[in-house]
Amino acid sequence: MPKPGQKLRLRDFVQTRQGWIFAVAGYGCDDGARCMLRYVPDENGDRQLNGVRYKKMDFDDAFEYLRKHKPEWVADVHIIPFDEITRVFDPIQRVAELACVEPRITKIVNALYGIPKKDMGVTGSFLPGLQIEGSDIDFIVYGPSWFKAREIFEAAKADPSSGIESVNNDMWHIIYNKRIPDISFDEFVLHEERKGNRGMVDGTYFDLLFTRSWDQLPVNMPRGIDIGKDSITATVTNVDFSFDSPAIYQVDHEEIDYVLSYTHTYSGQALVGEVIEAKGMVEQLGDLKRLVVGTKREPKGEWIRSLTLLGED
């Protein structure tokens, strides 16, 4: 059981006394683990772990469930007291286990030859062992190794012997319809194909997810004061953590210092020097102002578009 100050990272999973399973949703955990409820025991659930059936919770249902059963845990995310946590699921340990028994994970790990094993992990349903047929693979690479891993996967997609394939058009439609972004399908795919962090293995879709390495922590990301929605056009000046959660873009703008995205849809959306259009909620944080995109998992009226990529700058 973790204690105050113990390290938990984005994309770890934890289990509570109630049997509820949460995904860790941030890096800071001074007052409790910042999480999102993902699975709850349910006799009619379609997943099973250690003889217990589980149901997967979507974003809105998770908040509704906790407001009913543990309202004191509900904030902008779910804040779990440390003494309620009975188990921490380790992504690095889990990928080592799966690489021995799951051929698709084995192919991904083998393709990443040269990436240290300590920098690889798996999250999502595979982490607690609640995957079902058709489950996507959420594969983590930690810290700077992530960028090398992305390059490796891009090269592997061109090599039929690697087992790593590009996302096909049918899968792009599935991803788009799942995300429901407020940009067109063609714009979505144009941005996504450039990112290079999505692929397929044996017909299964996988995502290459970034999480900070320990030497990139701690990170202080307090919430600001909402001061209203706005839309800006700005030049991107730094994207070191544009694939993190939140994705962070430093921008050159007369009022806004940073654009943050809390939805995976708009991570890695632009490069340094590109002009973006971003719409979201403006937060005041001391002398800084930042524009936050993804105030909900499926944000409506919020987006980040690279006008440079679209030829509109």
C-alpha atoms as a PDB file:
ATOM      1  CA  MET A   1       0.000   0.000   0.000  1.00  0.00           C
ATOM      2  CA  PRO A   2       1.495   3.368  -0.978  1.00  0.00           C
ATOM      3  CA  LYS A   3       2.150   5.998   1.669  1.00  0.00           C
ATOM      4  CA  PRO A   4       2.040   9.777   1.274  1.00  0.00           C
ATOM      5  CA  GLY A   5       5.031  10.776  -0.826  1.00  0.00           C
ATOM      6  CA  GLN A   6       5.471   7.303  -2.360  1.00  0.00           C
ATOM      7  CA  LYS A   7       6.022   7.440  -6.081  1.00  0.00           C
ATOM      8  CA  LEU A   8       3.108   6.788  -8.381  1.00  0.00           C
ATOM      9  CA  ARG A   9       3.277   7.702 -12.036  1.00  0.00           C
ATOM     10  CA  LEU A  10       0.840   8.505 -14.772  1.00  0.00           C
ATOM     11  CA  ARG A  11      -0.613   5.289 -16.271  1.00  0.00           C
ATOM     12  CA  ASP A  12       0.037   3.089 -13.213  1.00  0.00           C
ATOM     13  CA  PHE A  13      -3.090   1.311 -11.934  1.00  0.00           C
ATOM     14  CA  VAL A  14      -4.201   0.902  -8.312  1.00  0.00           C
ATOM     15  CA  GLN A  15      -6.846  -1.208  -6.590  1.00  0.00           C
ATOM     16  CA  THR A  16      -8.800  -0.126  -3.502  1.00  0.00           C
ATOM     17  CA  ARG A  17     -10.352  -1.988  -0.581  1.00  0.00           C
ATOM     18  CA  GLN A  18     -13.650  -2.084  -2.468  1.00  0.00           C
ATOM     19  CA  GLY A  19     -12.038  -3.968  -5.349  1.00  0.00           C
ATOM     20  CA  TRP A  20     -12.293  -0.905  -7.595  1.00  0.00           C
ATOM     21  CA  ILE A  21      -9.472  -0.470 -10.108  1.00  0.00           C
ATOM     22  CA  PHE A  22      -8.255   3.005 -11.057  1.00  0.00           C
ATOM     23  CA  ALA A  23      -5.814   4.378 -13.609  1.00  0.00           C
ATOM     24  CA  VAL A  24      -3.400   6.922 -12.169  1.00  0.00           C
ATOM     25  CA  ALA A  25      -4.151  10.178 -13.995  1.00  0.00           C
ATOM     26  CA  GLY A  26      -1.242  12.373 -12.978  1.00  0.00           C
ATOM     27  CA  TYR A  27       2.113  12.637 -11.252  1.00  0.00           C
ATOM     28  CA  GLY A  28       1.303  14.608  -8.118  1.00  0.00           C
ATOM     29  CA  CYS A  29       0.004  12.596  -5.164  1.00  0.00           C
ATOM     30  CA  ASP A  30       0.622  14.609  -1.978  1.00  0.00           C
ATOM     31  CA  ASP A  31      -3.008  14.532  -0.810  1.00  0.00           C
ATOM     32  CA  GLY A  32      -3.932  11.218  -2.406  1.00  0.00           C
ATOM     33  CA  ALA A  33      -3.550   9.404  -5.692  1.00  0.00           C
ATOM     34  CA  ARG A  34      -5.027  11.326  -8.647  1.00  0.00           C
ATOM     35  CA  CYS A  35      -6.889   8.666 -10.588  1.00  0.00           C
ATOM     36  CA  MET A  36      -9.778   7.760 -12.850  1.00  0.00           C
ATOM     37  CA  LEU A  37     -12.062   4.838 -12.031  1.00  0.00           C
ATOM     38  CA  ARG A  38     -11.793   2.204 -14.770  1.00  0.00           C
ATOM     39  CA  TYR A  39     -13.206  -1.106 -13.486  1.00  0.00           C
ATOM     40  CA  VAL A  40     -15.674  -2.149 -10.766  1.00  0.00           C
ATOM     41  CA  PRO A  41     -16.783  -5.620  -9.653  1.00  0.00           C
ATOM     42  CA  ASP A  42     -20.050  -6.570 -11.360  1.00  0.00           C
ATOM     43  CA  GLU A  43     -21.543 -10.051 -11.573  1.00  0.00           C
ATOM     44  CA  ASN A  44     -22.709  -9.247 -15.101  1.00  0.00           C
ATOM     45  CA  GLY A  45     -19.378  -7.798 -16.202  1.00  0.00           C
ATOM     46  CA  ASP A  46     -17.645  -9.078 -19.340  1.00  0.00           C
ATOM     47  CA  ARG A  47     -14.164  -9.271 -17.753  1.00  0.00           C
ATOM     48  CA  GLN A  48     -12.707 -11.468 -15.040  1.00  0.00           C
ATOM     49  CA  LEU A  49      -9.793 -11.217 -12.599  1.00  0.00           C
ATOM     50  CA  ASN A  50      -9.027 -13.800  -9.906  1.00  0.00           C
ATOM     51  CA  GLY A  51     -12.538 -15.224 -10.163  1.00  0.00           C
ATOM     52  CA  VAL A  52     -14.243 -11.816  -9.883  1.00  0.00           C
ATOM     53  CA  ARG A  53     -16.208 -10.359 -12.798  1.00  0.00           C
ATOM     54  CA  TYR A  54     -15.622  -6.707 -13.656  1.00  0.00           C
ATOM     55  CA  LYS A  55     -17.326  -4.004 -15.683  1.00  0.00           C
ATOM     56  CA  LYS A  56     -15.401  -1.266 -17.505  1.00  0.00           C
ATOM     57  CA  MET A  57     -16.463   2.290 -16.654  1.00  0.00           C
ATOM     58  CA  ASP A  58     -16.481   5.096 -19.174  1.00  0.00           C
ATOM     59  CA  PHE A  59     -15.666   8.683 -18.180  1.00  0.00           C
ATOM     60  CA  ASP A  60     -19.150   9.923 -17.287  1.00  0.00           C
ATOM     61  CA  ASP A  61     -20.280   6.665 -15.662  1.00  0.00           C
ATOM     62  CA  ALA A  62     -17.170   6.634 -13.470  1.00  0.00           C
ATOM     63  CA  PHE A  63     -17.977  10.060 -12.048  1.00  0.00           C
ATOM     64  CA  GLU A  64     -21.626   9.138 -11.529  1.00  0.00           C
ATOM     65  CA  TYR A  65     -20.652   5.894  -9.781  1.00  0.00           C
ATOM     66  CA  LEU A  66     -18.263   7.595  -7.364  1.00  0.00           C
ATOM     67  CA  ARG A  67     -20.653  10.464  -6.647  1.00  0.00           C
ATOM     68  CA  LYS A  68     -23.053   7.784  -5.434  1.00  0.00           C
ATOM     69  CA  HIS A  69     -20.612   5.561  -3.538  1.00  0.00           C
ATOM     70  CA  LYS A  70     -17.663   7.818  -2.553  1.00  0.00           C
ATOM     71  CA  PRO A  71     -18.546  11.464  -3.238  1.00  0.00           C
ATOM     72  CA  GLU A  72     -15.658  12.655  -1.058  1.00  0.00           C
ATOM     73  CA  TRP A  73     -13.253  11.168  -3.638  1.00  0.00           C
ATOM     74  CA  VAL A  74     -14.643  13.226  -6.523  1.00  0.00           C
ATOM     75  CA  ALA A  75     -12.798  16.345  -7.671  1.00  0.00           C
ATOM     76  CA  ASP A  76     -11.586  17.272 -11.159  1.00  0.00           C
ATOM     77  CA  VAL A  77     -10.417  13.638 -11.157  1.00  0.00           C
ATOM     78  CA  HIS A  78     -10.777  10.987  -8.441  1.00  0.00           C
ATOM     79  CA  ILE A  79      -8.584  11.531  -5.366  1.00  0.00           C
ATOM     80  CA  ILE A  80      -7.922   8.199  -3.633  1.00  0.00           C
ATOM     81  CA  PRO A  81      -6.683   8.243  -0.016  1.00  0.00           C
ATOM     82  CA  PHE A  82      -3.479   6.250   0.271  1.00  0.00           C
ATOM     83  CA  ASP A  83      -4.835   4.057   3.063  1.00  0.00           C
ATOM     84  CA  GLU A  84      -7.618   2.877   0.731  1.00  0.00           C
ATOM     85  CA  ILE A  85      -5.146   1.466  -1.807  1.00  0.00           C
ATOM     86  CA  THR A  86      -4.416  -2.248  -1.424  1.00  0.00           C
ATOM     87  CA  ARG A  87      -2.458  -2.912  -4.603  1.00  0.00           C
ATOM     88  CA  VAL A  88      -0.370  -1.062  -7.174  1.00  0.00           C
ATOM     89  CA  PHE A  89      -0.107  -2.563 -10.667  1.00  0.00           C
ATOM     90  CA  ASP A  90       3.379  -1.987 -12.101  1.00  0.00           C
ATOM     91  CA  PRO A  91       3.447  -1.436 -15.911  1.00  0.00           C
ATOM     92  CA  ILE A  92       7.129  -2.406 -16.206  1.00  0.00           C
ATOM     93  CA  GLN A  93       6.725  -5.677 -14.336  1.00  0.00           C
ATOM     94  CA  ARG A  94       3.561  -6.477 -16.267  1.00  0.00           C
ATOM     95  CA  VAL A  95       5.089  -6.031 -19.720  1.00  0.00           C
ATOM     96  CA  ALA A  96       7.896  -8.409 -18.712  1.00  0.00           C
ATOM     97  CA  GLU A  97       5.273 -11.008 -17.728  1.00  0.00           C
ATOM     98  CA  LEU A  98       3.220 -10.560 -20.884  1.00  0.00           C
ATOM     99  CA  ALA A  99       6.232 -10.675 -23.189  1.00  0.00           C
ATOM    100  CA  CYS A 100       6.612 -14.342 -22.199  1.00  0.00           C
ATOM    101  CA  VAL A 101       3.015 -15.391 -22.921  1.00  0.00           C
ATOM    102  CA  GLU A 102       1.351 -12.882 -25.248  1.00  0.00           C
ATOM    103  CA  PRO A 103       2.702 -13.025 -28.849  1.00  0.00           C
ATOM    104  CA  ARG A 104       1.547  -9.498 -29.737  1.00  0.00           C
ATOM    105  CA  ILE A 105       3.371  -7.998 -26.761  1.00  0.00           C
ATOM    106  CA  THR A 106       6.400 -10.123 -27.639  1.00  0.00           C
ATOM    107  CA  LYS A 107       6.464  -8.652 -31.155  1.00  0.00           C
ATOM    108  CA  ILE A 108       6.263  -5.093 -29.835  1.00  0.00           C
ATOM    109  CA  VAL A 109       9.056  -5.696 -27.315  1.00  0.00           C
ATOM    110  CA  ASN A 110      11.236  -7.408 -29.933  1.00  0.00           C
ATOM    111  CA  ALA A 111      10.684  -4.556 -32.377  1.00  0.00           C
ATOM    112  CA  LEU A 112      11.955  -2.146 -29.722  1.00  0.00           C
ATOM    113  CA  TYR A 113      15.418  -3.725 -29.687  1.00  0.00           C
ATOM    114  CA  GLY A 114      17.785  -1.212 -28.106  1.00  0.00           C
ATOM    115  CA  ILE A 115      15.194   0.328 -25.799  1.00  0.00           C
ATOM    116  CA  PRO A 116      16.014  -0.595 -22.168  1.00  0.00           C
ATOM    117  CA  LYS A 117      13.476  -2.983 -20.636  1.00  0.00           C
ATOM    118  CA  LYS A 118      13.214  -0.647 -17.653  1.00  0.00           C
ATOM    119  CA  ASP A 119      11.782   1.982 -20.012  1.00  0.00           C
ATOM    120  CA  MET A 120       8.924  -0.226 -21.279  1.00  0.00           C
ATOM    121  CA  GLY A 121       5.520  -0.780 -19.724  1.00  0.00           C
ATOM    122  CA  VAL A 122       1.964  -1.703 -20.539  1.00  0.00           C
ATOM    123  CA  THR A 123      -1.181  -0.017 -19.246  1.00  0.00           C
ATOM    124  CA  GLY A 124      -4.900  -0.098 -20.038  1.00  0.00           C
ATOM    125  CA  SER A 125      -6.835  -3.337 -19.636  1.00  0.00           C
ATOM    126  CA  PHE A 126      -3.690  -5.465 -20.060  1.00  0.00           C
ATOM    127  CA  LEU A 127      -2.118  -4.027 -16.912  1.00  0.00           C
ATOM    128  CA  PRO A 128      -4.524  -5.543 -14.339  1.00  0.00           C
ATOM    129  CA  GLY A 129      -5.238  -8.538 -16.589  1.00  0.00           C
ATOM    130  CA  LEU A 130      -8.744  -7.445 -17.597  1.00  0.00           C
ATOM    131  CA  GLN A 131      -8.239  -7.465 -21.350  1.00  0.00           C
ATOM    132  CA  ILE A 132     -10.790  -9.171 -23.585  1.00  0.00           C
ATOM    133  CA  GLU A 133     -10.732 -10.210 -27.225  1.00  0.00           C
ATOM    134  CA  GLY A 134     -10.482  -7.022 -29.215  1.00  0.00           C
ATOM    135  CA  SER A 135      -8.803  -4.995 -26.464  1.00  0.00           C
ATOM    136  CA  ASP A 136      -6.308  -2.449 -27.714  1.00  0.00           C
ATOM    137  CA  ILE A 137      -2.730  -2.512 -26.428  1.00  0.00           C
ATOM    138  CA  ASP A 138      -1.639   0.621 -24.553  1.00  0.00           C
ATOM    139  CA  PHE A 139       2.148   0.396 -24.576  1.00  0.00           C
ATOM    140  CA  ILE A 140       4.273   2.815 -22.533  1.00  0.00           C
ATOM    141  CA  VAL A 141       7.813   3.963 -23.150  1.00  0.00           C
ATOM    142  CA  TYR A 142       9.221   6.188 -20.413  1.00  0.00           C
ATOM    143  CA  GLY A 143      11.088   9.450 -20.843  1.00  0.00           C
ATOM    144  CA  PRO A 144      13.459  10.265 -23.731  1.00  0.00           C
ATOM    145  CA  SER A 145      13.422   6.617 -24.897  1.00  0.00           C
ATOM    146  CA  TRP A 146       9.881   7.271 -26.159  1.00  0.00           C
ATOM    147  CA  PHE A 147      11.137   9.359 -29.070  1.00  0.00           C
ATOM    148  CA  LYS A 148      13.611   6.676 -30.120  1.00  0.00           C
ATOM    149  CA  ALA A 149      10.847   4.057 -29.834  1.00  0.00           C
ATOM    150  CA  ARG A 150       8.623   6.069 -32.150  1.00  0.00           C
ATOM    151  CA  GLU A 151      11.410   6.192 -34.743  1.00  0.00           C
ATOM    152  CA  ILE A 152      11.903   2.433 -34.412  1.00  0.00           C
ATOM    153  CA  PHE A 153       8.201   1.774 -34.986  1.00  0.00           C
ATOM    154  CA  GLU A 154       8.123   4.028 -38.039  1.00  0.00           C
ATOM    155  CA  ALA A 155      10.975   2.009 -39.551  1.00  0.00           C
ATOM    156  CA  ALA A 156       9.370  -1.289 -38.491  1.00  0.00           C
ATOM    157  CA  LYS A 157       6.156  -0.459 -40.355  1.00  0.00           C
ATOM    158  CA  ALA A 158       8.149  -0.517 -43.578  1.00  0.00           C
ATOM    159  CA  ASP A 159       9.573  -3.966 -42.763  1.00  0.00           C
ATOM    160  CA  PRO A 160       7.068  -6.837 -43.347  1.00  0.00           C
ATOM    161  CA  SER A 161       9.120  -9.179 -41.152  1.00  0.00           C
ATOM    162  CA  SER A 162       8.728  -6.957 -38.052  1.00  0.00           C
ATOM    163  CA  GLY A 163       5.056  -7.743 -37.446  1.00  0.00           C
ATOM    164  CA  ILE A 164       4.402  -4.023 -36.895  1.00  0.00           C
ATOM    165  CA  GLU A 165       1.938  -2.492 -39.349  1.00  0.00           C
ATOM    166  CA  SER A 166       0.480   0.922 -40.063  1.00  0.00           C
ATOM    167  CA  VAL A 167      -3.063   1.727 -38.978  1.00  0.00           C
ATOM    168  CA  ASN A 168      -5.468   0.951 -41.821  1.00  0.00           C
ATOM    169  CA  ASN A 169      -8.357   3.142 -42.937  1.00  0.00           C
ATOM    170  CA  ASP A 170     -11.018   1.041 -41.205  1.00  0.00           C
ATOM    171  CA  MET A 171      -9.176   1.360 -37.893  1.00  0.00           C
ATOM    172  CA  TRP A 172      -8.758   5.114 -38.362  1.00  0.00           C
ATOM    173  CA  HIS A 173     -12.540   5.376 -38.627  1.00  0.00           C
ATOM    174  CA  ILE A 174     -12.947   3.311 -35.439  1.00  0.00           C
ATOM    175  CA  ILE A 175     -10.470   5.525 -33.570  1.00  0.00           C
ATOM    176  CA  TYR A 176     -12.105   8.703 -34.874  1.00  0.00           C
ATOM    177  CA  ASN A 177     -15.597   7.554 -33.906  1.00  0.00           C
ATOM    178  CA  LYS A 178     -14.349   6.567 -30.450  1.00  0.00           C
ATOM    179  CA  ARG A 179     -12.660   9.916 -29.865  1.00  0.00           C
ATOM    180  CA  ILE A 180     -15.409  12.045 -31.455  1.00  0.00           C
ATOM    181  CA  PRO A 181     -13.100  15.049 -31.955  1.00  0.00           C
ATOM    182  CA  ASP A 182     -14.393  18.442 -33.038  1.00  0.00           C
ATOM    183  CA  ILE A 183     -12.328  18.347 -36.217  1.00  0.00           C
ATOM    184  CA  SER A 184     -13.076  16.555 -39.481  1.00  0.00           C
ATOM    185  CA  PHE A 185     -11.997  12.971 -40.136  1.00  0.00           C
ATOM    186  CA  ASP A 186      -9.511  14.058 -42.813  1.00  0.00           C
ATOM    187  CA  GLU A 187      -7.926  16.624 -40.471  1.00  0.00           C
ATOM    188  CA  PHE A 188      -7.782  14.057 -37.680  1.00  0.00           C
ATOM    189  CA  VAL A 189      -5.973  11.453 -39.796  1.00  0.00           C
ATOM    190  CA  LEU A 190      -3.576  14.034 -41.258  1.00  0.00           C
ATOM    191  CA  HIS A 191      -2.454  15.014 -37.756  1.00  0.00           C
ATOM    192  CA  GLU A 192      -2.410  11.438 -36.435  1.00  0.00           C
ATOM    193  CA  GLU A 193      -0.384   9.855 -39.215  1.00  0.00           C
ATOM    194  CA  ARG A 194       2.379  12.399 -38.665  1.00  0.00           C
ATOM    195  CA  LYS A 195       2.627  11.588 -34.944  1.00  0.00           C
ATOM    196  CA  GLY A 196       3.871   8.057 -35.610  1.00  0.00           C
ATOM    197  CA  ASN A 197       2.698   6.668 -32.248  1.00  0.00           C
ATOM    198  CA  ARG A 198      -0.073   4.363 -33.420  1.00  0.00           C
ATOM    199  CA  GLY A 199       0.219   0.999 -35.133  1.00  0.00           C
ATOM    200  CA  MET A 200      -1.156  -2.509 -35.444  1.00  0.00           C
ATOM    201  CA  VAL A 201       0.197  -5.943 -34.545  1.00  0.00           C
ATOM    202  CA  ASP A 202      -1.578  -9.152 -35.626  1.00  0.00           C
ATOM    203  CA  GLY A 203      -4.685  -7.109 -36.363  1.00  0.00           C
ATOM    204  CA  THR A 204      -4.693  -5.435 -32.937  1.00  0.00           C
ATOM    205  CA  TYR A 205      -4.409  -1.682 -32.630  1.00  0.00           C
ATOM    206  CA  PHE A 206      -1.732  -0.351 -30.251  1.00  0.00           C
ATOM    207  CA  ASP A 207      -0.801   3.073 -28.963  1.00  0.00           C
ATOM    208  CA  LEU A 208       2.715   4.166 -27.983  1.00  0.00           C
ATOM    209  CA  LEU A 209       2.181   6.266 -24.848  1.00  0.00           C
ATOM    210  CA  PHE A 210       4.616   8.661 -23.203  1.00  0.00           C
ATOM    211  CA  THR A 211       5.151   8.809 -19.449  1.00  0.00           C
ATOM    212  CA  ARG A 212       7.874  10.835 -17.753  1.00  0.00           C
ATOM    213  CA  SER A 213      10.941   9.012 -16.478  1.00  0.00           C
ATOM    214  CA  TRP A 214      11.757   9.386 -12.784  1.00  0.00           C
ATOM    215  CA  ASP A 215      14.507  11.900 -13.516  1.00  0.00           C
ATOM    216  CA  GLN A 216      11.906  14.133 -15.244  1.00  0.00           C
ATOM    217  CA  LEU A 217       9.921  14.312 -12.003  1.00  0.00           C
ATOM    218  CA  PRO A 218       8.554  15.857  -9.891  1.00  0.00           C
ATOM    219  CA  VAL A 219       6.288  18.076 -11.937  1.00  0.00           C
ATOM    220  CA  ASN A 220       4.099  20.734 -10.395  1.00  0.00           C
ATOM    221  CA  MET A 221       0.850  21.166 -12.316  1.00  0.00           C
ATOM    222  CA  PRO A 222      -1.651  22.962 -10.051  1.00  0.00           C
ATOM    223  CA  ARG A 223      -5.046  23.970 -11.365  1.00  0.00           C
ATOM    224  CA  GLY A 224      -5.660  27.582 -12.196  1.00  0.00           C
ATOM    225  CA  ILE A 225      -8.790  29.711 -11.997  1.00  0.00           C
ATOM    226  CA  ASP A 226     -11.157  29.384 -14.950  1.00  0.00           C
ATOM    227  CA  ILE A 227     -11.743  32.774 -16.555  1.00  0.00           C
ATOM    228  CA  GLY A 228     -13.754  31.757 -19.618  1.00  0.00           C
ATOM    229  CA  LYS A 229     -13.488  30.094 -22.993  1.00  0.00           C
ATOM    230  CA  ASP A 230     -11.375  31.538 -25.761  1.00  0.00           C
ATOM    231  CA  SER A 231      -9.825  30.689 -29.117  1.00  0.00           C
ATOM    232  CA  ILE A 232      -6.271  31.680 -29.999  1.00  0.00           C
ATOM    233  CA  THR A 233      -3.851  31.517 -32.890  1.00  0.00           C
ATOM    234  CA  ALA A 234      -0.225  31.233 -31.769  1.00  0.00           C
ATOM    235  CA  THR A 235       3.218  29.972 -32.763  1.00  0.00           C
ATOM    236  CA  VAL A 236       4.496  26.906 -30.897  1.00  0.00           C
ATOM    237  CA  THR A 237       7.891  27.401 -29.241  1.00  0.00           C
ATOM    238  CA  ASN A 238       8.371  24.184 -27.206  1.00  0.00           C
ATOM    239  CA  VAL A 239       6.905  20.646 -27.488  1.00  0.00           C
ATOM    240  CA  ASP A 240       9.150  18.655 -25.131  1.00  0.00           C
ATOM    241  CA  PHE A 241       6.092  17.278 -23.327  1.00  0.00           C
ATOM    242  CA  SER A 242       3.484  17.439 -26.084  1.00  0.00           C
ATOM    243  CA  PHE A 243       2.864  13.678 -25.753  1.00  0.00           C
ATOM    244  CA  ASP A 244       2.520  13.792 -21.961  1.00  0.00           C
ATOM    245  CA  SER A 245      -0.774  14.078 -20.096  1.00  0.00           C
ATOM    246  CA  PRO A 246      -1.524  16.880 -20.045  1.00  0.00           C
ATOM    247  CA  ALA A 247       0.181  17.576 -23.340  1.00  0.00           C
ATOM    248  CA  ILE A 248       2.053  20.863 -22.989  1.00  0.00           C
ATOM    249  CA  TYR A 249       2.728  23.366 -25.754  1.00  0.00           C
ATOM    250  CA  GLN A 250       4.599  26.564 -24.964  1.00  0.00           C
ATOM    251  CA  VAL A 251       3.424  29.285 -27.322  1.00  0.00           C
ATOM    252  CA  ASP A 252       4.313  32.787 -28.437  1.00  0.00           C
ATOM    253  CA  HIS A 253       1.108  34.744 -27.786  1.00  0.00           C
ATOM    254  CA  GLU A 254       0.402  38.126 -26.263  1.00  0.00           C
ATOM    255  CA  GLU A 255      -1.787  36.678 -23.471  1.00  0.00           C
ATOM    256  CA  ILE A 256      -1.483  32.868 -23.331  1.00  0.00           C
ATOM    257  CA  ASP A 257       1.788  31.268 -22.177  1.00  0.00           C
ATOM    258  CA  TYR A 258       0.885  27.587 -22.614  1.00  0.00           C
ATOM    259  CA  VAL A 259      -1.704  25.420 -24.301  1.00  0.00           C
ATOM    260  CA  LEU A 260      -2.494  22.215 -22.374  1.00  0.00           C
ATOM    261  CA  SER A 261      -4.488  19.230 -23.600  1.00  0.00           C
ATOM    262  CA  TYR A 262      -6.023  16.706 -21.226  1.00  0.00           C
ATOM    263  CA  THR A 263      -7.382  14.602 -24.081  1.00  0.00           C
ATOM    264  CA  HIS A 264      -5.101  12.182 -25.906  1.00  0.00           C
ATOM    265  CA  THR A 265      -6.640  13.290 -29.198  1.00  0.00           C
ATOM    266  CA  TYR A 266      -4.588  16.497 -29.211  1.00  0.00           C
ATOM    267  CA  SER A 267      -1.275  15.208 -27.865  1.00  0.00           C
ATOM    268  CA  GLY A 268       1.610  15.664 -30.292  1.00  0.00           C
ATOM    269  CA  GLN A 269      -0.628  17.819 -32.457  1.00  0.00           C
ATOM    270  CA  ALA A 270       1.990  20.386 -33.553  1.00  0.00           C
ATOM    271  CA  LEU A 271       5.733  20.915 -33.973  1.00  0.00           C
ATOM    272  CA  VAL A 272       7.982  23.778 -32.916  1.00  0.00           C
ATOM    273  CA  GLY A 273       7.577  26.745 -35.227  1.00  0.00           C
ATOM    274  CA  GLU A 274       4.098  25.767 -36.382  1.00  0.00           C
ATOM    275  CA  VAL A 275       1.093  28.031 -36.023  1.00  0.00           C
ATOM    276  CA  ILE A 276      -1.812  26.462 -34.148  1.00  0.00           C
ATOM    277  CA  GLU A 277      -5.427  27.339 -33.596  1.00  0.00           C
ATOM    278  CA  ALA A 278      -6.587  26.259 -30.150  1.00  0.00           C
ATOM    279  CA  LYS A 279      -9.924  26.637 -28.421  1.00  0.00           C
ATOM    280  CA  GLY A 280     -10.622  25.781 -24.795  1.00  0.00           C
ATOM    281  CA  MET A 281     -10.882  27.148 -21.267  1.00  0.00           C
ATOM    282  CA  VAL A 282      -8.483  29.883 -20.177  1.00  0.00           C
ATOM    283  CA  GLU A 283      -6.968  29.450 -16.707  1.00  0.00           C
ATOM    284  CA  GLN A 284      -5.192  32.103 -14.668  1.00  0.00           C
ATOM    285  CA  LEU A 285      -2.337  30.732 -12.585  1.00  0.00           C
ATOM    286  CA  GLY A 286      -0.469  33.522 -10.844  1.00  0.00           C
ATOM    287  CA  ASP A 287       1.049  35.692 -13.541  1.00  0.00           C
ATOM    288  CA  LEU A 288       0.560  32.980 -16.166  1.00  0.00           C
ATOM    289  CA  LYS A 289      -2.386  32.270 -18.408  1.00  0.00           C
ATOM    290  CA  ARG A 290      -2.877  28.953 -20.102  1.00  0.00           C
ATOM    291  CA  LEU A 291      -5.524  27.608 -22.438  1.00  0.00           C
ATOM    292  CA  VAL A 292      -6.796  24.154 -21.488  1.00  0.00           C
ATOM    293  CA  VAL A 293      -8.244  21.795 -24.091  1.00  0.00           C
ATOM    294  CA  GLY A 294     -10.026  18.627 -23.002  1.00  0.00           C
ATOM    295  CA  THR A 295     -12.097  19.673 -20.024  1.00  0.00           C
ATOM    296  CA  LYS A 296     -14.033  16.493 -20.813  1.00  0.00           C
ATOM    297  CA  ARG A 297     -12.810  13.214 -22.300  1.00  0.00           C
ATOM    298  CA  GLU A 298     -14.767  13.951 -25.505  1.00  0.00           C
ATOM    299  CA  PRO A 299     -14.488  17.741 -25.630  1.00  0.00           C
ATOM    300  CA  LYS A 300     -17.002  19.640 -27.717  1.00  0.00           C
ATOM    301  CA  GLY A 301     -16.082  23.086 -28.951  1.00  0.00           C
ATOM    302  CA  GLU A 302     -12.435  22.501 -27.973  1.00  0.00           C
ATOM    303  CA  TRP A 303      -9.540  21.581 -30.232  1.00  0.00           C
ATOM    304  CA  ILE A 304      -5.948  22.075 -31.329  1.00  0.00           C
ATOM    305  CA  ARG A 305      -5.270  22.328 -35.072  1.00  0.00           C
ATOM    306  CA  SER A 306      -1.905  22.853 -36.741  1.00  0.00           C
ATOM    307  CA  LEU A 307      -2.675  25.526 -39.294  1.00  0.00           C
ATOM    308  CA  THR A 308       0.802  25.015 -40.713  1.00  0.00           C
ATOM    309  CA  LEU A 309       0.152  21.316 -41.348  1.00  0.00           C
ATOM    310  CA  LEU A 310      -3.229  22.164 -42.881  1.00  0.00           C
ATOM    311  CA  GLY A 311      -1.711  24.863 -45.088  1.00  0.00           C
ATOM    312  CA  GLU A 312      -3.881  27.547 -43.485  1.00  0.00           C
ATOM    313  CA  ASP A 313      -1.228  29.681 -41.782  1.00  0.00           C
END
